[in-house]
Amino acid sequence: MAEEGELESRLQEELQRFNLNLEKMKLGRYVMLLQKPGRLLYLNFLSGLANGVGMAVGFAILGAIVVYILQRLLLWHLPVISGYIAEIVRLVQFKLQSS
């Protein structure tokens, strides 16, 4: 009988721990979300939109940094690279002025 009581208390502790883990995972919210495909589609659309905007902003910042570095390299008058860098910078500036 004592073993049954100990087994029951251990089982109850495990169930409480399991229940706590399920609450941490927010499994109930996930199941509710799966039951509403329209909301799931809406949330995924917003997530994709935010992801795309973040990539565009990041690429613009990275591109600006690269152009800045190329302009600085141009000032060093490196014999072989200067001509190529000058052409790239000229193209970028032309494109920025025309748009």
N, C-alpha and C. Protein backbone atom coordinates (compact mmCIF):
# COMPACT_ATOMS: atom_id res chain seq x y z
N MET A 1 0.81 -1.20 0.00
CA MET A 1 0.00 0.00 0.00
C MET A 1 0.86 1.27 0.00
N ALA A 2 1.97 1.22 0.72
CA ALA A 2 2.83 2.41 0.78
C ALA A 2 3.44 2.69 -0.58
N GLU A 3 3.73 1.60 -1.30
CA GLU A 3 4.29 1.78 -2.64
C GLU A 3 3.27 2.41 -3.59
N GLU A 4 2.00 2.03 -3.45
CA GLU A 4 0.96 2.61 -4.29
C GLU A 4 0.80 4.10 -4.01
N GLY A 5 0.86 4.49 -2.77
CA GLY A 5 0.76 5.91 -2.41
C GLY A 5 1.94 6.70 -2.95
N GLU A 6 3.13 6.09 -2.85
CA GLU A 6 4.34 6.75 -3.37
C GLU A 6 4.27 6.85 -4.90
N LEU A 7 3.82 5.78 -5.52
CA LEU A 7 3.68 5.78 -6.97
C LEU A 7 2.66 6.82 -7.42
N GLU A 8 1.57 6.92 -6.69
CA GLU A 8 0.53 7.89 -7.02
C GLU A 8 1.04 9.33 -6.86
N SER A 9 1.82 9.59 -5.81
CA SER A 9 2.35 10.95 -5.62
C SER A 9 3.38 11.29 -6.69
N ARG A 10 4.21 10.31 -7.07
CA ARG A 10 5.17 10.57 -8.15
C ARG A 10 4.45 10.82 -9.47
N LEU A 11 3.40 10.03 -9.72
CA LEU A 11 2.63 10.21 -10.94
C LEU A 11 1.96 11.58 -10.97
N GLN A 12 1.45 12.01 -9.82
CA GLN A 12 0.82 13.32 -9.75
C GLN A 12 1.84 14.44 -9.98
N GLU A 13 3.04 14.28 -9.44
CA GLU A 13 4.09 15.27 -9.68
C GLU A 13 4.46 15.33 -11.15
N GLU A 14 4.58 14.18 -11.78
CA GLU A 14 4.91 14.14 -13.21
C GLU A 14 3.81 14.78 -14.05
N LEU A 15 2.54 14.53 -13.68
CA LEU A 15 1.44 15.14 -14.40
C LEU A 15 1.44 16.66 -14.24
N GLN A 16 1.76 17.13 -13.03
CA GLN A 16 1.83 18.57 -12.81
C GLN A 16 2.97 19.18 -13.63
N ARG A 17 4.10 18.50 -13.67
CA ARG A 17 5.24 18.98 -14.46
C ARG A 17 4.89 18.99 -15.96
N PHE A 18 4.20 17.93 -16.40
CA PHE A 18 3.77 17.85 -17.79
C PHE A 18 2.79 18.97 -18.13
N ASN A 19 1.84 19.22 -17.25
CA ASN A 19 0.87 20.29 -17.44
C ASN A 19 1.56 21.65 -17.50
N LEU A 20 2.55 21.86 -16.64
CA LEU A 20 3.29 23.12 -16.64
C LEU A 20 4.05 23.29 -17.96
N ASN A 21 4.65 22.22 -18.45
CA ASN A 21 5.36 22.28 -19.73
C ASN A 21 4.41 22.59 -20.88
N LEU A 22 3.21 22.01 -20.86
CA LEU A 22 2.23 22.31 -21.90
C LEU A 22 1.82 23.77 -21.85
N GLU A 23 1.65 24.31 -20.65
CA GLU A 23 1.30 25.72 -20.52
C GLU A 23 2.43 26.61 -21.01
N LYS A 24 3.68 26.23 -20.75
CA LYS A 24 4.82 27.01 -21.23
C LYS A 24 4.88 27.01 -22.75
N MET A 25 4.53 25.89 -23.36
CA MET A 25 4.58 25.78 -24.82
C MET A 25 3.42 26.52 -25.48
N LYS A 26 2.42 26.90 -24.68
CA LYS A 26 1.21 27.57 -25.18
C LYS A 26 0.54 26.71 -26.26
N LEU A 27 0.45 25.44 -25.97
CA LEU A 27 -0.13 24.50 -26.92
C LEU A 27 -1.60 24.79 -27.18
N GLY A 28 -2.30 25.24 -26.15
CA GLY A 28 -3.72 25.56 -26.31
C GLY A 28 -3.94 26.67 -27.33
N ARG A 29 -3.11 27.71 -27.26
CA ARG A 29 -3.23 28.81 -28.23
C ARG A 29 -2.92 28.32 -29.64
N TYR A 30 -1.94 27.44 -29.75
CA TYR A 30 -1.57 26.92 -31.07
C TYR A 30 -2.72 26.11 -31.66
N VAL A 31 -3.36 25.29 -30.85
CA VAL A 31 -4.48 24.48 -31.33
C VAL A 31 -5.63 25.39 -31.73
N MET A 32 -5.90 26.44 -30.93
CA MET A 32 -6.97 27.39 -31.29
C MET A 32 -6.65 28.10 -32.60
N LEU A 33 -5.37 28.41 -32.80
CA LEU A 33 -4.96 29.08 -34.04
C LEU A 33 -5.15 28.15 -35.24
N LEU A 34 -4.87 26.88 -35.06
CA LEU A 34 -5.05 25.92 -36.15
C LEU A 34 -6.53 25.74 -36.50
N GLN A 35 -7.40 26.00 -35.55
CA GLN A 35 -8.83 25.86 -35.81
C GLN A 35 -9.39 27.05 -36.57
N LYS A 36 -8.62 28.14 -36.66
CA LYS A 36 -9.05 29.34 -37.39
C LYS A 36 -8.05 29.61 -38.52
N PRO A 37 -8.22 28.96 -39.66
CA PRO A 37 -7.24 29.11 -40.75
C PRO A 37 -7.14 30.55 -41.28
N GLY A 38 -8.21 31.31 -41.21
CA GLY A 38 -8.17 32.70 -41.67
C GLY A 38 -7.22 33.53 -40.83
N ARG A 39 -7.29 33.36 -39.52
CA ARG A 39 -6.39 34.09 -38.62
C ARG A 39 -4.95 33.64 -38.83
N LEU A 40 -4.76 32.34 -39.03
CA LEU A 40 -3.41 31.82 -39.27
C LEU A 40 -2.84 32.42 -40.55
N LEU A 41 -3.65 32.50 -41.60
CA LEU A 41 -3.21 33.09 -42.85
C LEU A 41 -2.86 34.56 -42.67
N TYR A 42 -3.69 35.29 -41.92
CA TYR A 42 -3.46 36.71 -41.65
C TYR A 42 -2.16 36.92 -40.89
N LEU A 43 -1.93 36.13 -39.85
CA LEU A 43 -0.70 36.27 -39.06
C LEU A 43 0.53 35.92 -39.88
N ASN A 44 0.44 34.89 -40.71
CA ASN A 44 1.57 34.53 -41.57
C ASN A 44 1.83 35.62 -42.61
N PHE A 45 0.77 36.25 -43.12
CA PHE A 45 0.95 37.35 -44.07
C PHE A 45 1.67 38.52 -43.41
N LEU A 46 1.24 38.88 -42.21
CA LEU A 46 1.90 39.98 -41.50
C LEU A 46 3.36 39.65 -41.19
N SER A 47 3.61 38.41 -40.83
CA SER A 47 4.98 37.98 -40.55
C SER A 47 5.84 38.08 -41.80
N GLY A 48 5.32 37.65 -42.93
CA GLY A 48 6.06 37.74 -44.19
C GLY A 48 6.29 39.18 -44.62
N LEU A 49 5.30 40.03 -44.39
CA LEU A 49 5.43 41.45 -44.73
C LEU A 49 6.52 42.10 -43.89
N ALA A 50 6.52 41.82 -42.59
CA ALA A 50 7.56 42.37 -41.71
C ALA A 50 8.94 41.85 -42.10
N ASN A 51 9.00 40.59 -42.46
CA ASN A 51 10.26 40.00 -42.88
C ASN A 51 10.78 40.68 -44.15
N GLY A 52 9.91 40.92 -45.11
CA GLY A 52 10.31 41.57 -46.35
C GLY A 52 10.77 43.01 -46.13
N VAL A 53 10.06 43.74 -45.29
CA VAL A 53 10.46 45.12 -44.99
C VAL A 53 11.81 45.14 -44.28
N GLY A 54 12.00 44.21 -43.36
CA GLY A 54 13.28 44.14 -42.66
C GLY A 54 14.43 43.84 -43.60
N MET A 55 14.20 42.95 -44.55
CA MET A 55 15.25 42.64 -45.52
C MET A 55 15.56 43.84 -46.40
N ALA A 56 14.53 44.56 -46.82
CA ALA A 56 14.74 45.73 -47.68
C ALA A 56 15.53 46.80 -46.95
N VAL A 57 15.17 47.06 -45.70
CA VAL A 57 15.88 48.07 -44.92
C VAL A 57 17.33 47.63 -44.68
N GLY A 58 17.50 46.37 -44.33
CA GLY A 58 18.85 45.85 -44.09
C GLY A 58 19.71 45.91 -45.34
N PHE A 59 19.13 45.56 -46.48
CA PHE A 59 19.89 45.62 -47.73
C PHE A 59 20.25 47.06 -48.09
N ALA A 60 19.34 47.99 -47.85
CA ALA A 60 19.62 49.40 -48.14
C ALA A 60 20.77 49.91 -47.26
N ILE A 61 20.74 49.55 -45.99
CA ILE A 61 21.82 49.97 -45.09
C ILE A 61 23.14 49.34 -45.50
N LEU A 62 23.11 48.05 -45.80
CA LEU A 62 24.32 47.37 -46.23
C LEU A 62 24.86 47.94 -47.53
N GLY A 63 23.97 48.24 -48.47
CA GLY A 63 24.39 48.84 -49.73
C GLY A 63 25.02 50.21 -49.52
N ALA A 64 24.44 51.01 -48.62
CA ALA A 64 25.00 52.33 -48.34
C ALA A 64 26.39 52.21 -47.73
N ILE A 65 26.57 51.23 -46.86
CA ILE A 65 27.89 51.02 -46.24
C ILE A 65 28.92 50.61 -47.30
N VAL A 66 28.52 49.73 -48.20
CA VAL A 66 29.43 49.28 -49.26
C VAL A 66 29.82 50.45 -50.17
N VAL A 67 28.85 51.28 -50.55
CA VAL A 67 29.16 52.44 -51.39
C VAL A 67 30.08 53.40 -50.65
N TYR A 68 29.85 53.61 -49.37
CA TYR A 68 30.70 54.49 -48.57
C TYR A 68 32.14 53.96 -48.54
N ILE A 69 32.29 52.66 -48.33
CA ILE A 69 33.62 52.06 -48.30
C ILE A 69 34.31 52.18 -49.66
N LEU A 70 33.53 51.95 -50.72
CA LEU A 70 34.10 52.09 -52.08
C LEU A 70 34.56 53.53 -52.34
N GLN A 71 33.79 54.51 -51.86
CA GLN A 71 34.20 55.90 -52.04
C GLN A 71 35.50 56.18 -51.29
N ARG A 72 35.64 55.62 -50.10
CA ARG A 72 36.86 55.81 -49.32
C ARG A 72 38.05 55.13 -50.00
N LEU A 73 37.82 53.96 -50.58
CA LEU A 73 38.90 53.28 -51.30
C LEU A 73 39.32 54.08 -52.53
N LEU A 74 38.39 54.76 -53.14
CA LEU A 74 38.68 55.58 -54.31
C LEU A 74 39.65 56.71 -53.96
N LEU A 75 39.54 57.23 -52.74
CA LEU A 75 40.42 58.33 -52.32
C LEU A 75 41.87 57.89 -52.15
N TRP A 76 42.09 56.60 -51.99
CA TRP A 76 43.46 56.10 -51.79
C TRP A 76 44.22 56.00 -53.13
N HIS A 77 43.54 56.16 -54.23
CA HIS A 77 44.14 56.11 -55.57
C HIS A 77 44.91 54.82 -55.81
N LEU A 78 44.25 53.72 -55.56
CA LEU A 78 44.86 52.42 -55.84
C LEU A 78 44.91 52.23 -57.35
N PRO A 79 46.04 51.82 -57.90
CA PRO A 79 46.23 51.83 -59.35
C PRO A 79 45.22 50.99 -60.13
N VAL A 80 45.00 49.78 -59.76
CA VAL A 80 44.15 48.89 -60.56
C VAL A 80 42.68 49.04 -60.20
N ILE A 81 42.40 49.16 -58.92
CA ILE A 81 41.02 49.13 -58.43
C ILE A 81 40.31 50.46 -58.61
N SER A 82 41.04 51.56 -58.61
CA SER A 82 40.41 52.89 -58.62
C SER A 82 39.48 53.10 -59.80
N GLY A 83 39.88 52.65 -60.98
CA GLY A 83 39.03 52.83 -62.16
C GLY A 83 37.71 52.10 -62.03
N TYR A 84 37.74 50.86 -61.55
CA TYR A 84 36.52 50.09 -61.38
C TYR A 84 35.62 50.70 -60.31
N ILE A 85 36.23 51.09 -59.20
CA ILE A 85 35.46 51.68 -58.11
C ILE A 85 34.83 53.00 -58.55
N ALA A 86 35.58 53.81 -59.27
CA ALA A 86 35.04 55.08 -59.75
C ALA A 86 33.84 54.85 -60.66
N GLU A 87 33.91 53.86 -61.51
CA GLU A 87 32.79 53.55 -62.40
C GLU A 87 31.57 53.09 -61.61
N ILE A 88 31.76 52.25 -60.61
CA ILE A 88 30.65 51.77 -59.78
C ILE A 88 30.01 52.94 -59.05
N VAL A 89 30.83 53.79 -58.43
CA VAL A 89 30.30 54.93 -57.69
C VAL A 89 29.56 55.87 -58.63
N ARG A 90 30.09 56.11 -59.82
CA ARG A 90 29.43 56.96 -60.80
C ARG A 90 28.06 56.39 -61.19
N LEU A 91 28.00 55.08 -61.41
CA LEU A 91 26.72 54.45 -61.76
C LEU A 91 25.70 54.56 -60.64
N VAL A 92 26.15 54.35 -59.41
CA VAL A 92 25.24 54.44 -58.27
C VAL A 92 24.73 55.87 -58.10
N GLN A 93 25.62 56.84 -58.20
CA GLN A 93 25.20 58.23 -58.05
C GLN A 93 24.27 58.66 -59.17
N PHE A 94 24.53 58.20 -60.40
CA PHE A 94 23.66 58.50 -61.51
C PHE A 94 22.25 57.92 -61.29
N LYS A 95 22.22 56.68 -60.80
CA LYS A 95 20.94 56.02 -60.55
C LYS A 95 20.17 56.73 -59.44
N LEU A 96 20.88 57.18 -58.40
CA LEU A 96 20.22 57.90 -57.31
C LEU A 96 19.67 59.24 -57.77
N GLN A 97 20.40 59.93 -58.64
CA GLN A 97 19.95 61.24 -59.11
C GLN A 97 18.79 61.12 -60.09
N SER A 98 18.75 60.05 -60.86
CA SER A 98 17.71 59.92 -61.87
C SER A 98 16.39 59.44 -61.26
N SER A 99 16.42 58.83 -60.08
CA SER A 99 15.15 58.34 -59.50
C SER A 99 14.62 59.21 -58.42
